[in-house]
Structure formats: structure tokens, C-alpha cells
Amino acid sequence: RRRHTRCSRDWSSDVCSSDLCVAANHLVALMASVDDIARSVGLTVDDYLPLAMASLRDVATMGPRDALTGPASRGDLSTIDAHLHSIPEATRELYVAMAREALALGELQRSTTVV
């Protein structure tokens, strides 16, 4: 059903397994959260799949740091805070965790951008 990625012989099996889980299983869990938020406004995850797939294509072509867009890439905390208060409570913990990661990635992106 899915493609399997081979791990480097230099990696322990636990490191390899955790990396594979983040790349696949955690992505699926993230999209389930997208579906929960989407359903709260009358949409479904299907409405967001083109955006998610475009983001993955950007990661493939540009790398994760350069593919990041949106409020985290700009350090726009007020927009992130507004998002947090507008989404279902059950999805907030994951949103906060992902926003922290995105903000850190955005900071790295902004600190290495040549003006």
C-alpha cells in the first residue's frame, strides 16, 4: 500500500523507525487534525489535499526550510494566536506543537535569507 524507505546502515533501528513514523504516520495524524478543523466549518480534508500535496512538492523541490510559507514564516504571532482561538479545542494542542516547530523553522528561514 505504501512505499517503504530504506534506512541507512548507520542508523539504529529505533532511529529509523521513529523517522519513518514521523514521515508517514504523523503526517496522517496531522491530516486527521486538518479534517477535524475542516469539518468544524463544513469542509473535509479533501478540500485541503491540493494544498497539502503542493506543500509536499515544494519540500521535495526546495527543501523544508525554503518551502515554509504563511504566518510562521513571517513570525506573525497575532495571526497564529487568532488561528488558535478559532479552531476546535480538541485540535489546539497539536496546533500549538506544530506552530512552535513552524516558528522555529521560520526563524531559521528568516535568519538565512539574503536581503
Protein backbone atom coordinates (compact mmCIF):
# COMPACT_ATOMS: atom_id res chain seq x y z
CA ARG A 1 0.00 0.00 0.00
CA ARG A 2 2.79 2.44 0.76
CA ARG A 3 6.32 2.79 -0.42
CA HIS A 4 8.90 1.80 2.11
CA THR A 5 12.03 3.80 2.70
CA ARG A 6 15.26 2.02 3.46
CA CYS A 7 17.27 3.25 6.38
CA SER A 8 20.98 3.80 6.39
CA ARG A 9 23.04 1.04 7.96
CA ASP A 10 24.47 3.74 10.23
CA TRP A 11 21.10 4.34 11.89
CA SER A 12 19.82 2.32 14.80
CA SER A 13 16.55 0.56 14.10
CA ASP A 14 14.80 2.82 16.64
CA VAL A 15 16.03 5.99 14.93
CA CYS A 16 14.98 4.63 11.56
CA SER A 17 11.59 3.53 12.86
CA SER A 18 10.90 6.88 14.54
CA ASP A 19 11.88 8.79 11.40
CA LEU A 20 9.59 6.62 9.29
CA CYS A 21 6.73 7.21 11.74
CA VAL A 22 7.17 10.97 11.58
CA ALA A 23 7.33 10.92 7.77
CA ALA A 24 4.26 8.73 7.34
CA ASN A 25 2.14 8.07 10.42
CA HIS A 26 2.47 11.52 11.94
CA LEU A 27 1.64 13.09 8.59
CA VAL A 28 -1.54 11.02 8.51
CA ALA A 29 -2.39 12.11 12.06
CA LEU A 30 -1.78 15.72 11.08
CA MET A 31 -4.17 15.37 8.15
CA ALA A 32 -6.76 13.88 10.51
CA SER A 33 -6.48 17.08 12.52
CA VAL A 34 -6.93 19.07 9.31
CA ASP A 35 -10.09 17.07 8.70
CA ASP A 36 -11.37 17.84 12.22
CA ILE A 37 -10.81 21.56 11.73
CA ALA A 38 -12.27 21.46 8.22
CA ARG A 39 -15.41 19.69 9.41
CA SER A 40 -15.94 22.40 12.02
CA VAL A 41 -16.54 24.82 9.12
CA GLY A 42 -18.43 22.44 6.81
CA LEU A 43 -15.49 21.20 4.71
CA THR A 44 -13.41 17.99 4.67
CA VAL A 45 -9.78 17.06 4.37
CA ASP A 46 -10.38 16.59 0.62
CA ASP A 47 -10.73 20.36 0.29
CA TYR A 48 -7.17 20.76 1.61
CA LEU A 49 -5.42 17.90 -0.18
CA PRO A 50 -4.33 20.03 -3.18
CA LEU A 51 -2.66 22.49 -0.79
CA ALA A 52 -1.04 19.71 1.25
CA MET A 53 0.22 17.96 -1.89
CA ALA A 54 1.62 21.22 -3.26
CA SER A 55 3.42 21.76 0.06
CA LEU A 56 4.99 18.30 -0.17
CA ARG A 57 6.07 19.01 -3.75
CA ASP A 58 7.65 22.25 -2.53
CA VAL A 59 9.52 20.33 0.17
CA ALA A 60 10.74 17.90 -2.49
CA THR A 61 11.98 20.66 -4.77
CA MET A 62 13.11 23.36 -2.32
CA GLY A 63 13.68 21.59 0.97
CA PRO A 64 11.63 22.09 4.14
CA ARG A 65 13.11 25.41 5.22
CA ASP A 66 12.51 27.13 1.90
CA ALA A 67 9.08 25.54 1.41
CA LEU A 68 7.62 27.10 4.56
CA THR A 69 5.09 29.89 3.91
CA GLY A 70 2.37 31.54 5.94
CA PRO A 71 2.34 33.28 9.30
CA ALA A 72 5.11 31.17 10.87
CA SER A 73 7.47 32.01 8.03
CA ARG A 74 6.83 35.70 8.76
CA GLY A 75 6.88 35.36 12.56
CA ASP A 76 3.27 36.61 12.61
CA LEU A 77 2.26 35.65 16.14
CA SER A 78 -1.01 37.59 16.10
CA THR A 79 -2.32 35.53 13.17
CA ILE A 80 -1.18 32.29 14.82
CA ASP A 81 -2.92 33.35 18.04
CA ALA A 82 -6.11 34.14 16.11
CA HIS A 83 -5.97 30.71 14.48
CA LEU A 84 -5.52 29.05 17.85
CA HIS A 85 -8.62 30.71 19.26
CA SER A 86 -10.74 29.91 16.21
CA ILE A 87 -10.16 26.15 15.95
CA PRO A 88 -11.86 23.36 17.92
CA GLU A 89 -10.38 22.87 21.37
CA ALA A 90 -9.53 19.24 20.64
CA THR A 91 -7.13 20.34 17.88
CA ARG A 92 -5.34 23.10 19.79
CA GLU A 93 -2.58 21.03 21.41
CA LEU A 94 -1.39 19.74 18.05
CA TYR A 95 -1.73 23.20 16.51
CA VAL A 96 0.49 24.68 19.24
CA ALA A 97 3.11 21.95 18.82
CA MET A 98 3.20 22.37 15.05
CA ALA A 99 3.15 26.17 15.28
CA ARG A 100 6.21 26.04 17.55
CA GLU A 101 8.05 23.88 15.03
CA ALA A 102 6.97 26.11 12.14
CA LEU A 103 8.01 29.26 14.03
CA ALA A 104 11.45 27.80 14.70
CA LEU A 105 11.76 26.85 11.04
CA GLY A 106 10.55 30.32 10.05
CA GLU A 107 13.16 31.94 12.29
CA LEU A 108 15.85 29.85 10.63
CA GLN A 109 14.45 30.79 7.22
CA ARG A 110 14.43 34.50 8.04
CA SER A 111 17.91 34.42 9.59
CA THR A 112 19.47 32.92 6.46
CA THR A 113 17.53 34.91 3.86
CA VAL A 114 19.70 37.30 1.93
CA VAL A 115 18.07 40.71 1.56
